[in-house]
C-alpha atoms as a PDB file:
ATOM      1  CA  MET A   1     126.542 -91.486 211.643  1.00  0.00           C
ATOM      2  CA  GLN A   2     126.400 -92.992 208.154  1.00  0.00           C
ATOM      3  CA  ARG A   3     122.681 -93.770 208.586  1.00  0.00           C
ATOM      4  CA  ARG A   4     121.970 -90.161 209.602  1.00  0.00           C
ATOM      5  CA  THR A   5     123.794 -88.879 206.475  1.00  0.00           C
ATOM      6  CA  LEU A   6     121.834 -91.255 204.236  1.00  0.00           C
ATOM      7  CA  LEU A   7     118.537 -90.146 205.823  1.00  0.00           C
ATOM      8  CA  PHE A   8     119.449 -86.480 205.355  1.00  0.00           C
ATOM      9  CA  SER A   9     120.514 -87.081 201.746  1.00  0.00           C
ATOM     10  CA  THR A  10     117.281 -88.937 200.916  1.00  0.00           C
ATOM     11  CA  SER A  11     115.139 -86.246 202.575  1.00  0.00           C
ATOM     12  CA  ALA A  12     116.963 -83.464 200.733  1.00  0.00           C
ATOM     13  CA  THR A  13     116.486 -85.258 197.404  1.00  0.00           C
ATOM     14  CA  LEU A  14     112.751 -85.674 198.036  1.00  0.00           C
ATOM     15  CA  LEU A  15     112.361 -82.008 199.026  1.00  0.00           C
ATOM     16  CA  LEU A  16     114.254 -80.855 195.938  1.00  0.00           C
ATOM     17  CA  GLY A  17     112.067 -83.040 193.711  1.00  0.00           C
ATOM     18  CA  ALA A  18     108.893 -81.636 195.300  1.00  0.00           C
ATOM     19  CA  ALA A  19     110.157 -78.072 194.865  1.00  0.00           C
ATOM     20  CA  LEU A  20     110.874 -78.702 191.190  1.00  0.00           C
ATOM     21  CA  LEU A  21     107.392 -80.112 190.630  1.00  0.00           C
ATOM     22  CA  VAL A  22     105.750 -77.137 192.347  1.00  0.00           C
ATOM     23  CA  GLY A  23     107.932 -74.723 190.380  1.00  0.00           C
ATOM     24  CA  CYS A  24     106.900 -76.307 187.089  1.00  0.00           C
ATOM     25  CA  ALA A  25     103.234 -75.870 187.904  1.00  0.00           C
ATOM     26  CA  GLY A  26     103.435 -72.070 187.871  1.00  0.00           C
ATOM     27  CA  PRO A  27     101.862 -69.561 190.234  1.00  0.00           C
ATOM     28  CA  ARG A  28      98.332 -70.945 190.151  1.00  0.00           C
ATOM     29  CA  GLY A  29      99.242 -74.597 189.678  1.00  0.00           C
ATOM     30  CA  MET A  30      98.172 -76.703 186.751  1.00  0.00           C
ATOM     31  CA  GLY A  31      94.520 -77.230 186.084  1.00  0.00           C
ATOM     32  CA  GLY A  32      93.398 -74.059 187.899  1.00  0.00           C
ATOM     33  CA  PRO A  33      90.928 -71.529 186.567  1.00  0.00           C
ATOM     34  CA  GLY A  34      93.565 -70.019 184.283  1.00  0.00           C
ATOM     35  CA  HIS A  35      93.932 -73.353 182.513  1.00  0.00           C
ATOM     36  CA  PRO A  36      90.530 -74.013 180.968  1.00  0.00           C
ATOM     37  CA  GLY A  37      91.716 -76.730 178.622  1.00  0.00           C
ATOM     38  CA  MET A  38      93.266 -78.826 181.353  1.00  0.00           C
ATOM     39  CA  MET A  39      92.024 -81.016 184.174  1.00  0.00           C
ATOM     40  CA  LYS A  40      93.784 -82.791 187.025  1.00  0.00           C
ATOM     41  CA  ARG A  41      94.506 -86.467 186.569  1.00  0.00           C
ATOM     42  CA  HIS A  42      93.462 -88.164 189.785  1.00  0.00           C
ATOM     43  CA  GLY A  43      96.295 -89.392 191.950  1.00  0.00           C
ATOM     44  CA  TYR A  44      99.224 -88.067 189.949  1.00  0.00           C
ATOM     45  CA  GLY A  45      99.236 -84.303 190.433  1.00  0.00           C
ATOM     46  CA  MET A  46      99.854 -84.085 186.705  1.00  0.00           C
ATOM     47  CA  THR A  47      97.502 -82.667 184.118  1.00  0.00           C
ATOM     48  CA  ALA A  48      95.815 -84.108 181.097  1.00  0.00           C
ATOM     49  CA  PRO A  49      93.956 -82.332 178.329  1.00  0.00           C
ATOM     50  CA  ALA A  50      90.255 -82.058 179.048  1.00  0.00           C
ATOM     51  CA  PRO A  51      87.797 -83.222 176.411  1.00  0.00           C
ATOM     52  CA  ALA A  52      86.028 -80.424 174.593  1.00  0.00           C
ATOM     53  CA  PRO A  53      82.600 -79.775 176.113  1.00  0.00           C
ATOM     54  CA  ALA A  54      79.594 -80.334 173.905  1.00  0.00           C
ATOM     55  CA  GLY A  55      79.070 -77.565 171.402  1.00  0.00           C
ATOM     56  CA  GLY A  56      82.563 -77.419 169.915  1.00  0.00           C
ATOM     57  CA  PRO A  57      84.455 -74.279 168.872  1.00  0.00           C
ATOM     58  CA  MET A  58      82.676 -71.018 168.158  1.00  0.00           C
ATOM     59  CA  VAL A  59      83.534 -67.576 166.803  1.00  0.00           C
ATOM     60  CA  ALA A  60      83.818 -64.598 169.163  1.00  0.00           C
ATOM     61  CA  ASN A  61      85.114 -61.166 168.108  1.00  0.00           C
ATOM     62  CA  GLY A  62      86.372 -62.602 164.829  1.00  0.00           C
ATOM     63  CA  LEU A  63      88.435 -65.347 166.519  1.00  0.00           C
ATOM     64  CA  LEU A  64      87.870 -69.050 166.953  1.00  0.00           C
ATOM     65  CA  THR A  65      87.322 -69.950 170.593  1.00  0.00           C
ATOM     66  CA  GLY A  66      86.851 -73.172 172.466  1.00  0.00           C
ATOM     67  CA  PRO A  67      83.482 -74.089 173.979  1.00  0.00           C
ATOM     68  CA  ASN A  68      84.711 -72.344 177.148  1.00  0.00           C
ATOM     69  CA  GLY A  69      85.149 -69.032 175.275  1.00  0.00           C
ATOM     70  CA  MET A  70      88.969 -69.147 175.399  1.00  0.00           C
ATOM     71  CA  THR A  71      90.974 -68.208 172.293  1.00  0.00           C
ATOM     72  CA  LEU A  72      92.276 -71.038 170.109  1.00  0.00           C
ATOM     73  CA  TYR A  73      95.651 -71.104 168.351  1.00  0.00           C
ATOM     74  CA  THR A  74      97.492 -73.016 165.649  1.00  0.00           C
ATOM     75  CA  PHE A  75     101.189 -73.939 165.565  1.00  0.00           C
ATOM     76  CA  ASP A  76     103.239 -73.353 162.396  1.00  0.00           C
ATOM     77  CA  ASN A  77     105.259 -76.538 163.043  1.00  0.00           C
ATOM     78  CA  ASP A  78     102.118 -78.673 162.624  1.00  0.00           C
ATOM     79  CA  ALA A  79     101.832 -79.748 158.992  1.00  0.00           C
ATOM     80  CA  VAL A  80      98.412 -79.133 157.442  1.00  0.00           C
ATOM     81  CA  ASN A  81      96.401 -82.351 157.055  1.00  0.00           C
ATOM     82  CA  SER A  82      99.186 -84.496 158.549  1.00  0.00           C
ATOM     83  CA  GLY A  83      96.696 -86.049 160.958  1.00  0.00           C
ATOM     84  CA  LYS A  84      98.943 -85.410 163.972  1.00  0.00           C
ATOM     85  CA  SER A  85     100.185 -82.783 166.405  1.00  0.00           C
ATOM     86  CA  VAL A  86     103.876 -82.089 166.965  1.00  0.00           C
ATOM     87  CA  CYS A  87     103.194 -80.193 170.213  1.00  0.00           C
ATOM     88  CA  ASN A  88     103.575 -82.851 172.921  1.00  0.00           C
ATOM     89  CA  GLY A  89     105.139 -83.095 176.382  1.00  0.00           C
ATOM     90  CA  PRO A  90     106.241 -79.691 177.763  1.00  0.00           C
ATOM     91  CA  CYS A  91     104.869 -77.976 174.654  1.00  0.00           C
ATOM     92  CA  ALA A  92     101.387 -79.332 175.396  1.00  0.00           C
ATOM     93  CA  THR A  93     101.704 -78.138 179.010  1.00  0.00           C
ATOM     94  CA  ASN A  94     101.996 -74.554 177.745  1.00  0.00           C
ATOM     95  CA  TRP A  95      99.703 -75.077 174.765  1.00  0.00           C
ATOM     96  CA  PRO A  96      96.945 -77.445 175.949  1.00  0.00           C
ATOM     97  CA  PRO A  97      95.276 -79.170 172.995  1.00  0.00           C
ATOM     98  CA  LEU A  98      91.556 -78.813 172.357  1.00  0.00           C
ATOM     99  CA  MET A  99      90.570 -82.440 172.735  1.00  0.00           C
ATOM    100  CA  ALA A 100      87.861 -83.768 170.455  1.00  0.00           C
ATOM    101  CA  GLY A 101      86.196 -86.064 172.966  1.00  0.00           C
ATOM    102  CA  ASN A 102      83.602 -88.146 171.141  1.00  0.00           C
ATOM    103  CA  ALA A 103      82.975 -85.495 168.484  1.00  0.00           C
ATOM    104  CA  ALA A 104      82.615 -86.539 164.861  1.00  0.00           C
ATOM    105  CA  PRO A 105      83.381 -83.193 163.216  1.00  0.00           C
ATOM    106  CA  GLY A 106      82.861 -82.312 159.593  1.00  0.00           C
ATOM    107  CA  GLY A 107      83.327 -79.385 157.231  1.00  0.00           C
ATOM    108  CA  ASP A 108      86.411 -77.384 158.239  1.00  0.00           C
ATOM    109  CA  TYR A 109      86.885 -79.516 161.366  1.00  0.00           C
ATOM    110  CA  SER A 110      88.719 -82.825 161.634  1.00  0.00           C
ATOM    111  CA  VAL A 111      90.346 -84.939 164.328  1.00  0.00           C
ATOM    112  CA  VAL A 112      94.075 -85.652 164.650  1.00  0.00           C
ATOM    113  CA  THR A 113      95.687 -88.323 166.781  1.00  0.00           C
ATOM    114  CA  ARG A 114      98.194 -87.197 169.416  1.00  0.00           C
ATOM    115  CA  ASP A 115     101.332 -89.129 170.383  1.00  0.00           C
ATOM    116  CA  ASP A 116      99.536 -90.368 173.515  1.00  0.00           C
ATOM    117  CA  GLY A 117      96.628 -91.653 171.411  1.00  0.00           C
ATOM    118  CA  GLY A 118      94.282 -88.816 172.404  1.00  0.00           C
ATOM    119  CA  LYS A 119      92.055 -87.210 169.785  1.00  0.00           C
ATOM    120  CA  GLN A 120      92.531 -83.486 169.150  1.00  0.00           C
ATOM    121  CA  LEU A 121      90.274 -81.179 167.171  1.00  0.00           C
ATOM    122  CA  ALA A 122      91.766 -79.504 164.087  1.00  0.00           C
ATOM    123  CA  TYR A 123      90.542 -76.592 161.950  1.00  0.00           C
ATOM    124  CA  LYS A 124      91.347 -76.720 158.232  1.00  0.00           C
ATOM    125  CA  GLY A 125      93.821 -79.519 158.946  1.00  0.00           C
ATOM    126  CA  LYS A 126      95.710 -77.668 161.744  1.00  0.00           C
ATOM    127  CA  PRO A 127      95.426 -78.904 165.366  1.00  0.00           C
ATOM    128  CA  LEU A 128      93.874 -76.419 167.814  1.00  0.00           C
ATOM    129  CA  TYR A 129      95.406 -75.330 171.126  1.00  0.00           C
ATOM    130  CA  TYR A 130      94.742 -73.059 174.082  1.00  0.00           C
ATOM    131  CA  TRP A 131      97.521 -70.888 175.577  1.00  0.00           C
ATOM    132  CA  VAL A 132      98.213 -71.416 179.272  1.00  0.00           C
ATOM    133  CA  LYS A 133      98.766 -67.671 179.883  1.00  0.00           C
ATOM    134  CA  ASP A 134      95.314 -66.666 178.626  1.00  0.00           C
ATOM    135  CA  THR A 135      93.296 -66.346 181.824  1.00  0.00           C
ATOM    136  CA  LYS A 136      89.880 -65.220 180.628  1.00  0.00           C
ATOM    137  CA  PRO A 137      87.747 -65.271 177.486  1.00  0.00           C
ATOM    138  CA  GLY A 138      88.937 -62.639 175.036  1.00  0.00           C
ATOM    139  CA  ASP A 139      92.618 -62.941 176.024  1.00  0.00           C
ATOM    140  CA  LYS A 140      94.883 -63.590 173.048  1.00  0.00           C
ATOM    141  CA  THR A 141      98.314 -63.240 174.610  1.00  0.00           C
ATOM    142  CA  GLY A 142      99.631 -66.255 172.703  1.00  0.00           C
ATOM    143  CA  ASP A 143      99.267 -64.629 169.291  1.00  0.00           C
ATOM    144  CA  GLY A 144     102.714 -64.389 167.696  1.00  0.00           C
ATOM    145  CA  VAL A 145     104.612 -66.218 170.452  1.00  0.00           C
ATOM    146  CA  ASN A 146     108.020 -67.177 168.999  1.00  0.00           C
ATOM    147  CA  GLY A 147     106.607 -66.233 165.600  1.00  0.00           C
ATOM    148  CA  VAL A 148     104.953 -69.665 165.276  1.00  0.00           C
ATOM    149  CA  TRP A 149     101.716 -69.460 167.298  1.00  0.00           C
ATOM    150  CA  HIS A 150      98.679 -67.692 165.839  1.00  0.00           C
ATOM    151  CA  VAL A 151      95.086 -67.013 166.774  1.00  0.00           C
ATOM    152  CA  VAL A 152      92.604 -68.680 164.459  1.00  0.00           C
ATOM    153  CA  LYS A 153      90.523 -66.294 162.361  1.00  0.00           C
ATOM    154  CA  PRO A 154      87.801 -68.231 160.542  1.00  0.00           C
END
């Protein structure tokens, strides 16, 4: 009887853990079409920021967008020219960073180093992010979130 209870307890714990992971991924799951700045990390079911495609940011309708046409944002808690991002962990899940890849930007663009060692593109010293709830180019639903997230207007 004790073995049956242990088996049930272990199974219930595993099912609860799986449910929590699925719940955290949201309705479409991480890395889906609504998450243009993210890609699946093979074998983990977790996500990692995708490198910026060649071409870098561009301006569309007066806003800075990523190479995929999605709106880019800055975070007030990031200090200008600090060389780093303070949006990591769960923050970066909701606000995927625009990764610099192998880019060697100049002018208004620079590269900051993330806590995980990744290289993120910055505009005028502020790291750039996508917003997970923007689902198509032209969306700017992250503007003003918590009073600290803002679209970038070059």
